Protein backbone atom coordinates (compact mmCIF):
# COMPACT_ATOMS: atom_id res chain seq x y z
CA MET A 1 0.00 0.00 0.00
CA SER A 2 2.91 2.34 -0.66
CA ASP A 3 2.49 5.58 -2.56
CA SER A 4 4.10 3.92 -5.61
CA CYS A 5 1.27 1.38 -5.76
CA ALA A 6 3.75 -1.52 -5.83
CA ASP A 7 1.19 -4.24 -5.06
CA PRO A 8 0.07 -6.43 -7.97
CA ALA A 9 -2.54 -5.04 -10.36
CA GLY A 10 -6.04 -6.09 -9.31
CA SER A 11 -5.01 -6.58 -5.69
CA VAL A 12 -6.49 -4.96 -2.60
CA GLY A 13 -3.31 -2.94 -2.08
CA SER A 14 -3.28 -1.67 -5.64
CA PHE A 15 -6.95 -0.63 -5.53
CA LEU A 16 -6.46 1.17 -2.21
CA CYS A 17 -3.30 2.95 -3.30
CA ARG A 18 -4.70 4.24 -6.58
CA ALA A 19 -8.04 5.21 -5.05
CA GLY A 20 -6.23 7.08 -2.29
CA GLN A 21 -4.26 9.03 -4.89
CA HIS A 22 -7.43 10.00 -6.77
CA LEU A 23 -9.21 11.04 -3.57
CA ARG A 24 -6.25 13.09 -2.42
CA ALA A 25 -6.10 14.84 -5.81
CA ALA A 26 -9.80 15.69 -5.42
CA ALA A 27 -9.04 17.36 -2.04
CA ILE A 28 -10.94 14.69 -0.09
CA GLU A 29 -9.90 14.55 3.56
CA ASN A 30 -8.62 11.22 4.91
CA PRO A 31 -8.25 9.67 1.44
CA ARG A 32 -6.77 6.37 2.62
CA LEU A 33 -9.48 5.85 5.21
CA GLU A 34 -12.19 6.63 2.69
CA ALA A 35 -10.63 4.29 0.14
CA ARG A 36 -10.71 1.46 2.71
CA LEU A 37 -14.35 2.18 3.59
CA LEU A 38 -15.38 2.17 -0.05
CA LEU A 39 -13.52 -1.00 -0.96
CA SER A 40 -14.61 -2.89 2.16
CA THR A 41 -18.24 -1.98 1.42
CA ALA A 42 -17.87 -3.04 -2.22
CA MET A 43 -16.35 -6.37 -1.14
CA GLY A 44 -18.74 -6.91 1.80
CA VAL A 45 -15.97 -7.28 4.39
CA GLU A 46 -14.76 -5.34 7.43
CA SER A 47 -12.29 -2.60 6.57
CA THR A 48 -9.67 -4.14 8.86
CA ALA A 49 -9.77 -7.31 6.76
CA LEU A 50 -8.26 -5.40 3.84
CA LEU A 51 -5.09 -4.71 5.80
CA ARG A 52 -4.36 -8.38 6.51
CA ASP A 53 -3.61 -9.38 2.92
CA PRO A 54 -3.02 -6.42 0.59
CA ARG A 55 -1.98 -8.81 -2.21
CA ALA A 56 -5.37 -10.57 -2.27
CA LEU A 57 -7.26 -10.10 -5.53
CA VAL A 58 -10.45 -8.04 -5.65
CA PRO A 59 -13.31 -10.03 -7.29
CA PRO A 60 -14.48 -8.50 -10.60
CA GLU A 61 -18.01 -7.74 -9.36
CA ALA A 62 -16.59 -6.00 -6.28
CA ALA A 63 -14.19 -4.05 -8.48
CA ASP A 64 -17.12 -2.80 -10.57
CA ARG A 65 -19.06 -1.74 -7.45
CA PHE A 66 -15.97 -0.01 -6.09
CA ALA A 67 -15.42 1.91 -9.34
CA GLY A 68 -18.97 3.23 -9.25
CA MET A 69 -18.74 4.23 -5.61
CA LEU A 70 -15.36 5.90 -6.10
CA LYS A 71 -16.68 7.91 -9.06
CA ARG A 72 -19.53 9.25 -6.89
CA ARG A 73 -17.16 10.19 -4.06
CA LEU A 74 -14.75 11.91 -6.43
CA ALA A 75 -17.71 14.09 -7.48
CA HIS A 76 -17.93 15.10 -3.80
CA GLU A 77 -21.13 13.18 -3.15
CA PRO A 78 -21.20 12.75 0.65
CA MET A 79 -19.69 9.51 1.89
CA ALA A 80 -22.88 8.65 3.79
CA TYR A 81 -24.92 8.80 0.56
CA VAL A 82 -22.38 6.61 -1.23
CA LEU A 83 -22.39 4.03 1.58
CA GLY A 84 -26.15 4.39 2.14
CA HIS A 85 -26.10 4.69 5.91
CA GLN A 86 -24.82 6.77 8.82
CA GLY A 87 -24.41 6.14 12.53
CA PHE A 88 -26.21 8.44 14.97
CA TRP A 89 -26.49 8.06 18.75
CA THR A 90 -26.69 4.27 19.17
CA LEU A 91 -28.51 3.75 15.85
CA ASP A 92 -27.51 2.87 12.30
CA LEU A 93 -29.69 4.85 9.90
CA ALA A 94 -30.29 4.61 6.18
CA VAL A 95 -29.77 7.92 4.38
CA SER A 96 -30.69 9.20 0.94
CA PRO A 97 -30.57 12.50 -0.99
CA ALA A 98 -34.11 13.13 0.32
CA THR A 99 -32.68 13.80 3.78
CA LEU A 100 -29.91 15.64 5.53
CA ILE A 101 -27.16 13.38 6.78
CA PRO A 102 -27.31 13.01 10.58
CA ARG A 103 -24.37 14.75 12.23
CA ALA A 104 -22.68 14.30 15.57
CA ASP A 105 -23.49 17.94 16.45
CA SER A 106 -27.19 17.04 16.48
CA GLU A 107 -26.63 14.54 19.28
CA ALA A 108 -26.61 17.62 21.54
CA ILE A 109 -30.38 17.89 20.92
CA VAL A 110 -30.86 14.31 22.11
CA GLU A 111 -28.69 14.95 25.17
CA ALA A 112 -30.70 18.05 26.06
CA ALA A 113 -34.00 16.21 25.56
CA LEU A 114 -32.90 13.40 27.88
CA GLN A 115 -32.13 15.84 30.70
CA GLY A 116 -35.83 16.50 31.28
CA PRO A 117 -38.67 14.31 32.51
CA ALA A 118 -39.58 11.23 30.48
CA PRO A 119 -42.14 12.20 27.81
CA ARG A 120 -45.16 10.14 26.79
CA ARG A 121 -45.74 11.79 23.40
CA VAL A 122 -42.94 13.22 21.26
CA LEU A 123 -43.12 15.27 18.06
CA ASP A 124 -40.21 15.73 15.64
CA LEU A 125 -40.68 18.52 13.09
CA GLY A 126 -38.63 18.17 9.90
CA THR A 127 -37.72 14.63 10.89
CA GLY A 128 -35.48 13.75 7.92
CA THR A 129 -34.01 10.31 8.64
CA GLY A 130 -35.92 10.26 11.94
CA CYS A 131 -32.64 10.46 13.83
CA LEU A 132 -33.74 12.77 16.67
CA LEU A 133 -37.07 11.08 17.30
CA LEU A 134 -35.72 7.54 17.08
CA ALA A 135 -32.79 8.33 19.38
CA VAL A 136 -35.14 9.74 22.03
CA LEU A 137 -37.57 6.83 21.67
CA SER A 138 -34.69 4.37 22.06
CA GLU A 139 -33.96 5.92 25.46
CA HIS A 140 -37.61 6.22 26.58
CA PRO A 141 -39.32 2.84 26.05
CA GLY A 142 -42.65 4.19 27.31
CA ALA A 143 -42.86 7.00 24.76
CA PHE A 144 -44.65 7.22 21.40
CA GLY A 145 -43.50 9.62 18.70
CA VAL A 146 -44.68 11.35 15.53
CA GLY A 147 -42.19 12.52 12.90
CA LEU A 148 -43.24 15.00 10.24
CA ASP A 149 -41.38 16.03 7.10
CA LEU A 150 -42.37 18.00 4.01
CA SER A 151 -40.72 15.34 1.84
CA PRO A 152 -42.66 12.07 1.41
CA GLY A 153 -39.35 10.39 0.57
CA ALA A 154 -37.87 11.48 3.89
CA SER A 155 -40.92 10.30 5.82
CA ALA A 156 -40.77 6.90 4.12
CA LEU A 157 -37.06 6.58 4.86
CA ALA A 158 -37.61 7.51 8.52
CA ALA A 159 -40.32 4.85 8.79
CA ALA A 160 -37.90 2.29 7.36
CA ASN A 161 -35.28 3.36 9.91
CA ALA A 162 -37.80 2.89 12.70
CA GLN A 163 -38.46 -0.64 11.44
CA THR A 164 -34.75 -1.48 11.16
CA ASN A 165 -34.05 -0.25 14.69
CA GLY A 166 -37.01 -2.03 16.30
CA LEU A 167 -39.01 1.14 16.98
CA ALA A 168 -41.75 0.94 14.35
CA GLU A 169 -44.52 0.14 16.85
CA ARG A 170 -43.84 3.37 18.74
CA ALA A 171 -43.28 5.78 15.83
CA LEU A 172 -45.50 7.25 13.14
CA PHE A 173 -44.09 9.24 10.24
CA LEU A 174 -46.15 11.64 8.13
CA ALA A 175 -45.56 14.00 5.22
CA GLY A 176 -46.75 17.56 5.67
CA SER A 177 -45.87 21.19 6.21
CA TRP A 178 -44.67 21.58 9.77
CA ALA A 179 -47.46 20.80 12.28
CA GLU A 180 -50.43 22.43 10.57
CA SER A 181 -52.25 19.08 10.27
CA LEU A 182 -51.61 17.97 13.88
CA LEU A 183 -53.44 18.55 17.13
CA GLY A 184 -51.49 19.30 20.30
CA GLY A 185 -50.82 17.19 23.35
CA PHE A 186 -47.07 16.61 23.02
CA ASP A 187 -44.81 16.52 26.06
CA LEU A 188 -41.68 17.04 23.97
CA VAL A 189 -41.17 18.70 20.59
CA LEU A 190 -37.89 18.27 18.74
CA SER A 191 -36.70 20.00 15.59
CA ASN A 192 -33.61 20.49 13.49
CA PRO A 193 -35.06 23.07 11.08
CA PRO A 194 -33.35 24.72 8.11
CA TYR A 195 -31.25 27.50 9.61
CA ILE A 196 -28.55 28.50 7.12
CA GLU A 197 -28.85 31.96 5.62
CA ARG A 198 -29.84 31.58 1.98
CA ALA A 199 -26.96 33.64 0.61
CA ALA A 200 -24.43 31.50 2.49
CA ILE A 201 -25.48 28.15 0.99
CA PRO A 202 -23.42 28.33 -2.25
CA ALA A 203 -20.25 28.86 -0.19
CA LEU A 204 -20.72 25.68 1.83
CA MET A 205 -18.51 22.68 1.13
CA PRO A 206 -19.60 20.97 -2.12
CA GLU A 207 -20.75 17.83 -0.29
CA VAL A 208 -23.42 19.98 1.36
CA ALA A 209 -24.17 22.71 -1.19
CA LEU A 210 -24.40 20.40 -4.21
CA HIS A 211 -25.84 17.21 -2.75
CA GLU A 212 -27.88 17.67 0.45
CA PRO A 213 -31.50 18.85 -0.01
CA ALA A 214 -31.69 22.64 -0.25
CA ARG A 215 -35.11 22.74 1.45
CA ALA A 216 -33.50 21.25 4.57
CA LEU A 217 -30.73 23.87 4.59
CA ASP A 218 -32.37 27.14 3.51
CA GLY A 219 -33.49 29.18 6.51
CA GLY A 220 -34.40 32.22 4.42
CA PRO A 221 -32.57 35.55 4.21
CA ASP A 222 -31.71 35.64 7.93
CA GLY A 223 -31.77 31.90 8.71
CA LEU A 224 -34.78 32.29 11.01
CA GLU A 225 -37.79 31.63 8.76
CA ALA A 226 -38.49 28.11 10.04
CA TYR A 227 -38.05 29.15 13.68
CA ARG A 228 -40.73 31.81 13.31
CA VAL A 229 -43.24 29.18 12.17
CA ILE A 230 -42.25 26.51 14.69
CA VAL A 231 -41.97 28.71 17.77
CA ALA A 232 -45.30 30.43 17.09
CA ASP A 233 -46.99 27.00 17.04
CA LEU A 234 -45.32 25.54 20.13
CA PRO A 235 -47.86 26.92 22.66
CA ARG A 236 -50.57 25.01 20.77
CA LEU A 237 -48.57 21.82 20.38
CA LEU A 238 -47.11 21.45 23.88
CA THR A 239 -48.86 20.23 27.00
CA PRO A 240 -48.58 22.53 30.04
CA GLY A 241 -45.03 22.10 31.30
CA GLY A 242 -44.04 20.44 28.02
CA ARG A 243 -40.64 21.18 26.57
CA ALA A 244 -39.21 21.86 23.13
CA VAL A 245 -35.59 21.35 22.08
CA LEU A 246 -34.55 23.12 18.88
CA GLU A 247 -31.27 22.76 17.03
CA LEU A 248 -29.48 26.07 16.40
CA GLY A 249 -26.93 27.40 13.99
CA GLN A 250 -23.89 29.08 15.49
CA GLY A 251 -24.81 32.39 17.14
CA GLN A 252 -28.56 31.99 16.70
CA ALA A 253 -29.49 31.37 20.35
CA PRO A 254 -30.36 35.01 21.27
CA ALA A 255 -32.59 35.56 18.21
CA VAL A 256 -34.50 32.28 18.61
CA ALA A 257 -34.83 32.80 22.37
CA ALA A 258 -36.38 36.22 21.69
CA LEU A 259 -38.94 34.60 19.39
CA ALA A 260 -39.77 32.09 22.12
CA LEU A 261 -40.23 34.74 24.81
CA ALA A 262 -42.50 36.72 22.50
CA ALA A 263 -44.62 33.58 22.04
CA GLY A 264 -45.05 33.22 25.81
CA LEU A 265 -42.58 30.36 26.28
CA GLU A 266 -39.96 30.00 28.99
CA VAL A 267 -36.33 29.76 27.90
CA LEU A 268 -34.63 27.14 30.08
CA GLY A 269 -31.19 27.48 28.51
CA THR A 270 -28.91 26.06 25.85
CA HIS A 271 -26.86 22.90 25.47
CA ALA A 272 -23.51 22.88 23.68
CA ASP A 273 -22.21 20.35 21.18
CA LEU A 274 -18.74 18.75 21.45
CA GLY A 275 -17.24 21.79 19.74
CA GLY A 276 -18.59 24.11 22.44
CA VAL A 277 -21.22 25.70 20.17
CA ASP A 278 -24.65 26.37 21.70
CA ARG A 279 -26.43 23.81 19.53
CA ALA A 280 -29.72 23.21 21.40
CA LEU A 281 -32.23 25.73 22.76
CA ILE A 282 -34.47 24.34 25.50
CA LEU A 283 -37.94 25.87 25.90
CA ARG A 284 -40.94 25.13 28.10
CA LYS A 285 -44.61 25.97 28.00
CA PRO A 286 -45.59 27.48 31.38
């Protein structure tokens, strides 16, 4: 697996070396690691198995799969889309271009939600893969949840993720615009809404700007459009004493907290992600 690609043509080592060179030339971070993940997925083996015998030959059908996957990654398609899944919390979730890719930063919303009393009914607005709702349900076996997304494809994917993770009996996923079709009565409302300022989206890394769904990124001119809709509806949706945990973009806590106070909600505080950014805003209905 040297940089000179000295292993025999058609071998694991040769595939990894050449793929790593292509990925590095495309300015992909961690090119060798990504090459191993792609080839191990194409071959249906653990990535560590590739290191044991770099001179082993790659089967032709696996080589074809690998070539297709590598081409997609070199076009800066996100690795999670190429692999078809992403880990989040304790779950393994299917992903598709219909949804945002779950990120470790969003686990701060789950952490903040788990700090409060155990909910009976949970609502997740803009559910995407279902990651927030399913993570909370996995920690609260007595809770039932509803996930709502504007995209029917996202709702269907979230339902499949619930099935795969053994949570289908306690989760319902619907397609619709925010919560306009729902009655209230929720003890906990979760949301990771679009919060990026519209003008900033083209400058994002190409994996995000070119491949993840724009509707799940675009928060309008000031990044706050979705918060205005969600926060105004929380008094109707929450039970008395019920809480809401909203994901935030960097620096948005004061503006979203002001919207919440104007709607008659209590602001309980924020919760930071691993990078120290205030990522979750915690609200309560008096």
